[in-house]
């Protein structure tokens, strides 16, 4: 059976694979430290499309349509800006 207890005697620091300081990101000690950028982008695009699909509905006024289009446009602008900013070297 594998030993699952941590070695309390060892005084060597744990080196994270991602080179993230555990003082800044406490979850790095457990092996996860970061964001799922691709997942956030996917759901951002999905949500923007969903806002535009919501235009098809049983409402009579057009004010709701303008709000849906406006919020979807803001999301698309932010998503495109994020793609462009991440491509640029720092």
N, C-alpha and C. Protein backbone atom coordinates (compact mmCIF):
# COMPACT_ATOMS: atom_id res chain seq x y z
N UNK A 1 0.85 -1.17 0.00
CA UNK A 1 0.00 0.00 0.00
C UNK A 1 0.90 1.24 0.00
N UNK A 2 0.52 2.21 -0.75
CA UNK A 2 1.34 3.43 -0.88
C UNK A 2 1.19 4.30 0.36
N UNK A 3 2.28 4.93 0.72
CA UNK A 3 2.28 5.83 1.87
C UNK A 3 1.72 7.17 1.44
N UNK A 4 0.63 7.61 2.06
CA UNK A 4 -0.01 8.86 1.67
C UNK A 4 0.31 10.01 2.61
N UNK A 5 1.04 9.76 3.65
CA UNK A 5 1.40 10.81 4.59
C UNK A 5 2.54 11.65 4.03
N UNK A 6 2.53 12.92 4.35
CA UNK A 6 3.60 13.81 3.95
C UNK A 6 4.81 13.59 4.85
N UNK A 7 5.99 13.73 4.31
CA UNK A 7 7.21 13.57 5.07
C UNK A 7 7.44 14.82 5.91
N UNK A 8 7.20 14.75 7.19
CA UNK A 8 7.33 15.90 8.07
C UNK A 8 8.80 16.23 8.37
N UNK A 9 9.70 15.25 8.22
CA UNK A 9 11.10 15.42 8.57
C UNK A 9 11.84 16.22 7.51
N UNK A 10 11.42 16.12 6.27
CA UNK A 10 12.12 16.78 5.18
C UNK A 10 11.98 18.29 5.30
N UNK A 11 13.11 18.98 5.22
CA UNK A 11 13.09 20.43 5.28
C UNK A 11 13.34 21.07 3.92
N UNK A 12 13.38 20.24 2.88
CA UNK A 12 13.61 20.76 1.54
C UNK A 12 12.34 21.44 1.03
N UNK A 13 12.48 22.60 0.41
CA UNK A 13 11.29 23.27 -0.11
C UNK A 13 10.71 22.51 -1.30
N UNK A 14 9.43 22.59 -1.41
CA UNK A 14 8.75 21.95 -2.54
C UNK A 14 8.86 22.88 -3.73
N UNK A 15 9.36 22.36 -4.84
CA UNK A 15 9.53 23.16 -6.04
C UNK A 15 8.32 22.94 -6.92
N UNK A 16 7.62 24.02 -7.21
CA UNK A 16 6.46 23.93 -8.08
C UNK A 16 6.91 23.85 -9.53
N UNK A 17 6.19 23.06 -10.30
CA UNK A 17 6.54 22.89 -11.70
C UNK A 17 6.29 24.18 -12.48
N UNK A 18 5.28 24.93 -12.08
CA UNK A 18 4.91 26.14 -12.82
C UNK A 18 5.69 27.37 -12.39
N UNK A 19 6.64 27.23 -11.47
CA UNK A 19 7.45 28.34 -10.97
C UNK A 19 6.59 29.47 -10.41
N UNK A 20 5.55 29.12 -9.69
CA UNK A 20 4.65 30.09 -9.07
C UNK A 20 4.98 30.14 -7.60
N UNK A 21 5.09 31.34 -7.06
CA UNK A 21 5.38 31.52 -5.64
C UNK A 21 4.15 31.13 -4.83
N UNK A 22 4.32 30.18 -3.91
CA UNK A 22 3.18 29.72 -3.12
C UNK A 22 2.70 30.78 -2.13
N UNK A 23 3.51 31.79 -1.86
CA UNK A 23 3.05 32.89 -0.99
C UNK A 23 2.01 33.74 -1.72
N UNK A 24 2.16 33.87 -3.03
CA UNK A 24 1.20 34.66 -3.81
C UNK A 24 -0.01 33.83 -4.21
N UNK A 25 0.21 32.56 -4.54
CA UNK A 25 -0.87 31.69 -4.99
C UNK A 25 -0.87 30.45 -4.09
N UNK A 26 -1.66 30.44 -3.02
CA UNK A 26 -1.63 29.32 -2.10
C UNK A 26 -2.03 27.99 -2.73
N UNK A 27 -2.87 28.00 -3.74
CA UNK A 27 -3.30 26.74 -4.35
C UNK A 27 -2.19 26.07 -5.14
N UNK A 28 -1.06 26.73 -5.35
CA UNK A 28 0.07 26.12 -6.06
C UNK A 28 0.64 24.94 -5.28
N UNK A 29 0.48 24.95 -3.97
CA UNK A 29 0.95 23.83 -3.16
C UNK A 29 0.19 22.55 -3.48
N UNK A 30 -1.04 22.67 -3.90
CA UNK A 30 -1.87 21.50 -4.17
C UNK A 30 -1.81 21.07 -5.62
N UNK A 31 -1.02 21.76 -6.42
CA UNK A 31 -0.84 21.35 -7.80
C UNK A 31 -1.67 22.11 -8.81
N UNK A 32 -2.51 23.01 -8.36
CA UNK A 32 -3.29 23.79 -9.31
C UNK A 32 -3.05 25.26 -9.03
N UNK A 33 -2.60 25.95 -10.03
CA UNK A 33 -2.44 27.39 -9.88
C UNK A 33 -2.54 28.01 -11.25
N UNK A 34 -3.65 28.56 -11.52
CA UNK A 34 -3.81 29.21 -12.80
C UNK A 34 -5.27 29.33 -13.15
N UNK A 35 -5.49 29.84 -14.32
CA UNK A 35 -6.83 30.02 -14.83
C UNK A 35 -6.98 29.19 -16.08
N UNK A 36 -8.16 28.78 -16.32
CA UNK A 36 -8.46 28.04 -17.53
C UNK A 36 -8.90 29.05 -18.59
N UNK A 37 -7.93 29.65 -19.24
CA UNK A 37 -8.20 30.73 -20.19
C UNK A 37 -9.10 30.25 -21.33
N UNK A 38 -8.81 29.08 -21.87
CA UNK A 38 -9.60 28.58 -22.99
C UNK A 38 -11.05 28.34 -22.59
N UNK A 39 -11.26 27.85 -21.38
CA UNK A 39 -12.62 27.61 -20.91
C UNK A 39 -13.36 28.93 -20.73
N UNK A 40 -12.68 29.92 -20.14
CA UNK A 40 -13.32 31.23 -19.96
C UNK A 40 -13.69 31.85 -21.31
N UNK A 41 -12.78 31.75 -22.27
CA UNK A 41 -13.07 32.30 -23.60
C UNK A 41 -14.24 31.58 -24.25
N UNK A 42 -14.25 30.25 -24.16
CA UNK A 42 -15.33 29.48 -24.77
C UNK A 42 -16.68 29.91 -24.20
N UNK A 43 -16.77 29.97 -22.87
CA UNK A 43 -18.03 30.36 -22.26
C UNK A 43 -18.36 31.83 -22.51
N UNK A 44 -17.36 32.67 -22.68
CA UNK A 44 -17.61 34.07 -23.04
C UNK A 44 -18.27 34.17 -24.40
N UNK A 45 -17.71 33.45 -25.39
CA UNK A 45 -18.31 33.46 -26.73
C UNK A 45 -19.70 32.82 -26.70
N UNK A 46 -19.85 31.74 -25.94
CA UNK A 46 -21.15 31.08 -25.85
C UNK A 46 -22.20 32.01 -25.23
N UNK A 47 -21.80 32.74 -24.19
CA UNK A 47 -22.73 33.64 -23.54
C UNK A 47 -23.10 34.82 -24.44
N UNK A 48 -22.12 35.33 -25.20
CA UNK A 48 -22.42 36.43 -26.13
C UNK A 48 -23.39 35.95 -27.21
N UNK A 49 -23.19 34.74 -27.71
CA UNK A 49 -24.12 34.19 -28.70
C UNK A 49 -25.50 33.97 -28.09
N UNK A 50 -25.53 33.51 -26.84
CA UNK A 50 -26.80 33.30 -26.15
C UNK A 50 -27.57 34.62 -25.99
N UNK A 51 -26.86 35.69 -25.70
CA UNK A 51 -27.52 36.99 -25.59
C UNK A 51 -28.17 37.39 -26.92
N UNK A 52 -27.49 37.10 -28.01
CA UNK A 52 -28.06 37.44 -29.32
C UNK A 52 -29.23 36.53 -29.68
N UNK A 53 -29.18 35.29 -29.25
CA UNK A 53 -30.29 34.37 -29.50
C UNK A 53 -31.52 34.79 -28.70
N UNK A 54 -31.31 35.42 -27.56
CA UNK A 54 -32.43 35.86 -26.73
C UNK A 54 -33.24 36.97 -27.38
N UNK A 55 -32.75 37.53 -28.47
CA UNK A 55 -33.53 38.54 -29.19
C UNK A 55 -34.81 37.92 -29.73
N UNK A 56 -34.70 36.65 -30.12
CA UNK A 56 -35.89 35.93 -30.60
C UNK A 56 -36.73 35.61 -29.37
N UNK A 57 -37.86 36.27 -29.26
CA UNK A 57 -38.68 36.06 -28.08
C UNK A 57 -40.06 36.64 -28.27
N UNK A 58 -40.80 36.65 -27.19
CA UNK A 58 -42.18 37.11 -27.26
C UNK A 58 -42.36 38.53 -26.74
N UNK A 59 -41.28 39.31 -26.67
CA UNK A 59 -41.42 40.68 -26.21
C UNK A 59 -41.77 41.58 -27.39
N UNK A 60 -42.50 42.65 -27.09
CA UNK A 60 -42.98 43.52 -28.15
C UNK A 60 -42.08 44.74 -28.36
N UNK A 61 -41.50 45.24 -27.30
CA UNK A 61 -40.66 46.42 -27.41
C UNK A 61 -39.29 46.07 -27.96
N UNK A 62 -38.59 47.08 -28.45
CA UNK A 62 -37.26 46.87 -29.01
C UNK A 62 -36.15 47.33 -28.06
N UNK A 63 -36.52 47.89 -26.92
CA UNK A 63 -35.52 48.34 -25.96
C UNK A 63 -34.71 47.16 -25.45
N UNK A 64 -35.40 46.03 -25.21
CA UNK A 64 -34.70 44.83 -24.73
C UNK A 64 -33.69 44.35 -25.76
N UNK A 65 -34.05 44.44 -27.03
CA UNK A 65 -33.15 44.01 -28.10
C UNK A 65 -31.87 44.83 -28.09
N UNK A 66 -32.01 46.14 -27.90
CA UNK A 66 -30.83 47.01 -27.90
C UNK A 66 -29.92 46.70 -26.72
N UNK A 67 -30.52 46.41 -25.56
CA UNK A 67 -29.70 46.03 -24.40
C UNK A 67 -28.97 44.71 -24.65
N UNK A 68 -29.67 43.73 -25.22
CA UNK A 68 -29.03 42.44 -25.50
C UNK A 68 -27.90 42.60 -26.51
N UNK A 69 -28.15 43.40 -27.56
CA UNK A 69 -27.11 43.63 -28.57
C UNK A 69 -25.93 44.39 -27.95
N UNK A 70 -26.23 45.37 -27.11
CA UNK A 70 -25.17 46.15 -26.47
C UNK A 70 -24.30 45.30 -25.55
N UNK A 71 -24.93 44.49 -24.70
CA UNK A 71 -24.16 43.64 -23.80
C UNK A 71 -23.35 42.59 -24.57
N UNK A 72 -23.94 42.04 -25.63
CA UNK A 72 -23.21 41.07 -26.45
C UNK A 72 -22.03 41.75 -27.15
N UNK A 73 -22.21 42.97 -27.62
CA UNK A 73 -21.13 43.69 -28.28
C UNK A 73 -20.00 44.00 -27.31
N UNK A 74 -20.34 44.39 -26.08
CA UNK A 74 -19.31 44.65 -25.08
C UNK A 74 -18.52 43.37 -24.78
N UNK A 75 -19.23 42.25 -24.67
CA UNK A 75 -18.54 40.97 -24.41
C UNK A 75 -17.62 40.60 -25.56
N UNK A 76 -18.08 40.78 -26.79
CA UNK A 76 -17.26 40.46 -27.96
C UNK A 76 -16.03 41.35 -28.00
N UNK A 77 -16.20 42.63 -27.71
CA UNK A 77 -15.05 43.55 -27.68
C UNK A 77 -14.04 43.12 -26.63
N UNK A 78 -14.52 42.75 -25.44
CA UNK A 78 -13.61 42.30 -24.38
C UNK A 78 -12.91 41.00 -24.76
N UNK A 79 -13.62 40.09 -25.40
CA UNK A 79 -13.00 38.82 -25.81
C UNK A 79 -11.95 39.03 -26.90
N UNK A 80 -12.25 39.89 -27.86
CA UNK A 80 -11.28 40.17 -28.92
C UNK A 80 -10.07 40.89 -28.35
N UNK A 81 -10.30 41.82 -27.44
CA UNK A 81 -9.19 42.52 -26.79
C UNK A 81 -8.31 41.54 -26.01
N UNK A 82 -8.93 40.59 -25.34
CA UNK A 82 -8.17 39.59 -24.59
C UNK A 82 -7.31 38.74 -25.52
N UNK A 83 -7.86 38.34 -26.65
CA UNK A 83 -7.08 37.54 -27.61
C UNK A 83 -5.90 38.35 -28.13
N UNK A 84 -6.12 39.60 -28.45
CA UNK A 84 -5.05 40.45 -28.98
C UNK A 84 -3.97 40.71 -27.92
N UNK A 85 -4.39 41.01 -26.70
CA UNK A 85 -3.43 41.31 -25.64
C UNK A 85 -2.60 40.09 -25.25
N UNK A 86 -3.15 38.92 -25.33
CA UNK A 86 -2.39 37.70 -24.99
C UNK A 86 -1.43 37.30 -26.09
N UNK A 87 -1.67 37.74 -27.31
CA UNK A 87 -0.75 37.43 -28.42
C UNK A 87 0.50 38.31 -28.39
N UNK A 88 0.36 39.51 -27.85
CA UNK A 88 1.49 40.43 -27.81
C UNK A 88 2.54 39.94 -26.82
N UNK A 89 3.80 39.98 -27.20
CA UNK A 89 4.83 39.64 -26.21
C UNK A 89 4.98 40.78 -25.20
N UNK A 90 5.23 40.42 -23.98
CA UNK A 90 5.35 41.44 -22.93
C UNK A 90 6.73 41.99 -22.86
